[in-house]
Each structure stands twice: as structure tokens, then as C-alpha cells.
Amino acid sequence: MEEFSFYALWAALGIFMLIYYLRRKHTIRSILWGTLTGLTGLILLHYFGGIISFSPELNLFNIAQAGILGIPGVVLMVIIHFVL
């Protein structure tokens, strides 16, 4: 049940971001900017995360999360790490 809830949460967040991007005036530019900033934030957190004692791996799940959700996804990753 926990695994289903986990994937349901990420799917809901992905759908929310898709709706957000589709409502923007410049849809493609918004998607590219959100993806670029999310991936940049993930890479910076990977290399300099030792400062806050959290350096996530660059695996497919983390890259997809940062690419789809952008900076909010990276921030959510950090919050979940320290709360759980």
C-alpha cells in the first residue's frame, strides 16, 4: 500500500505540473525552463549537497523528478530526506 501511495503522489504531482505548464502563455519555453532549472538544481545538490549532509544520487528517478517537477521537485526531495 505504501508503494502505491508513493507512486500515486508522484503521478498526481506530475499531472499538476503538466496542467501548470499547459496554462502558461509560452508553454514550450516554460517546460524547457522548468526542466533546465530542476536538473541544474539536482546537479548542484549532488555535487555541493555535502554542505547540508544530503547528496542525492543521479539516478533515473531523481533525474525524472527534477526534470518534471523542476526546482519544487528538488526542494521536495530535500524536505522528504530530512523529514523521513
Protein backbone atom coordinates (compact mmCIF):
# COMPACT_ATOMS: atom_id res chain seq x y z
CA MET A 1 0.00 0.00 0.00
CA GLU A 2 2.86 2.38 0.76
CA GLU A 3 4.38 1.81 -2.65
CA PHE A 4 1.07 2.58 -4.36
CA SER A 5 0.68 5.78 -2.31
CA PHE A 6 4.22 6.79 -3.19
CA TYR A 7 3.71 6.43 -6.93
CA ALA A 8 0.22 7.95 -6.77
CA LEU A 9 1.65 11.05 -5.10
CA TRP A 10 4.34 11.49 -7.77
CA ALA A 11 1.83 10.86 -10.57
CA ALA A 12 -0.51 13.50 -9.12
CA LEU A 13 2.36 15.98 -8.87
CA GLY A 14 3.36 15.24 -12.47
CA ILE A 15 -0.19 15.83 -13.68
CA PHE A 16 -0.34 19.07 -11.68
CA MET A 17 2.87 20.32 -13.31
CA LEU A 18 1.61 19.33 -16.76
CA ILE A 19 -1.57 21.34 -16.22
CA TYR A 20 0.51 24.24 -14.89
CA TYR A 21 2.78 24.22 -17.95
CA LEU A 22 -0.14 23.94 -20.39
CA ARG A 23 -1.81 27.02 -18.88
CA ARG A 24 1.27 29.18 -19.40
CA LYS A 25 1.39 31.64 -22.29
CA HIS A 26 4.68 30.23 -23.61
CA THR A 27 4.17 26.52 -22.98
CA ILE A 28 7.34 25.12 -24.55
CA ARG A 29 9.55 27.80 -23.05
CA SER A 30 8.03 27.17 -19.60
CA ILE A 31 8.58 23.41 -19.87
CA LEU A 32 12.18 23.85 -21.01
CA TRP A 33 12.93 26.44 -18.31
CA GLY A 34 11.37 24.30 -15.56
CA THR A 35 13.28 21.23 -16.71
CA LEU A 36 16.56 23.12 -17.03
CA THR A 37 16.31 24.73 -13.60
CA GLY A 38 15.28 21.44 -11.97
CA LEU A 39 18.15 19.48 -13.49
CA THR A 40 20.60 22.25 -12.64
CA GLY A 41 19.37 22.27 -9.05
CA LEU A 42 19.72 18.49 -8.83
CA ILE A 43 23.27 18.56 -10.20
CA LEU A 44 24.26 21.37 -7.82
CA LEU A 45 22.71 19.48 -4.92
CA HIS A 46 24.55 16.31 -5.98
CA TYR A 47 27.95 18.00 -6.03
CA PHE A 48 27.54 20.51 -3.20
CA GLY A 49 24.99 18.70 -1.04
CA GLY A 50 27.65 17.69 1.44
CA ILE A 51 27.24 21.12 2.99
CA ILE A 52 23.74 20.17 4.20
CA SER A 53 24.58 16.44 4.58
CA PHE A 54 22.43 15.34 1.66
CA SER A 55 23.85 14.48 -1.73
CA PRO A 56 21.29 12.58 -3.85
CA GLU A 57 22.39 10.09 -6.46
CA LEU A 58 21.94 10.93 -10.12
CA ASN A 59 19.66 8.02 -10.98
CA LEU A 60 16.71 7.82 -13.35
CA PHE A 61 14.08 8.51 -10.69
CA ASN A 62 15.81 11.62 -9.32
CA ILE A 63 16.50 12.98 -12.79
CA ALA A 64 12.87 12.41 -13.85
CA GLN A 65 11.63 14.06 -10.66
CA ALA A 66 13.83 17.11 -11.14
CA GLY A 67 13.02 17.27 -14.86
CA ILE A 68 9.26 17.05 -14.46
CA LEU A 69 8.73 18.97 -11.23
CA GLY A 70 11.64 21.41 -11.57
CA ILE A 71 13.01 23.22 -8.54
CA PRO A 72 9.95 22.35 -6.41
CA GLY A 73 10.78 18.68 -7.02
CA VAL A 74 14.35 19.15 -5.83
CA VAL A 75 13.19 21.07 -2.75
CA LEU A 76 10.62 18.33 -2.06
CA MET A 77 13.40 15.75 -2.34
CA VAL A 78 15.42 17.57 0.33
CA ILE A 79 12.41 18.00 2.63
CA ILE A 80 11.44 14.35 2.35
CA HIS A 81 15.02 13.32 3.12
CA PHE A 82 15.13 15.30 6.35
CA VAL A 83 11.57 14.54 7.48
CA LEU A 84 11.67 10.80 6.80
